[in-house]
Amino acid sequence: MPKSANEAIYNEAIIRSGCRSMDERIRKLCGEMSAMDAAAASEWLMNYAALRSDNYRDAFVLMKCRSWPRAEQTKLANYYLQAVPYASSYPYEVFLSFMSVRSFLSCPDAFIPEAGAYRDLLAYHLVPVLDRVGKSDSDRVLIAEFMGRVRG
């Protein structure tokens, strides 16, 4: 399925400006991915940077190189949040750079770790990010409810 003209313009602008600091390999992959429609790009990304693959960390850099419709945002979040908790805030920051708080928080419920130490690690890295992006009262209510579930 061809991508829309607006999506193509947006993705090209991101590649030109936002990817300047990327190495050439990532820049090339970013360009290839932006030439695809969003559904094909998300499938490609999940195959190229599969969980527990050598390319896994590339996913978070590449995700930032294009726009994602809501359905693809959710698909990517549901896939990559299976690896929760992360050892840094960066993956959460990436998702929350293109997802609303409501959309993001609707995804990881199924992946809240059972073990207390993993829940603590999730909270340690996720709470500061959520505090930065949660602007409205409704966002703050959603964040409080979610963190209540995380903290048990």
Foldseek 3Di string as FASTA:
>chain_A
DFADPVQLVQLVVCLVPVCPPPDPVLSVVLVVLSRDHQVVSLVVLCVVQPPPDPNVVSSLVSLQRGAHDLVSLLVNLLRVLLPPPDQALSSVLSSVVHDALVSNLVRCPVNQDPDPVRLVSNCVHNVVSLVVRQDDPVSVVSVVVSNVSSND
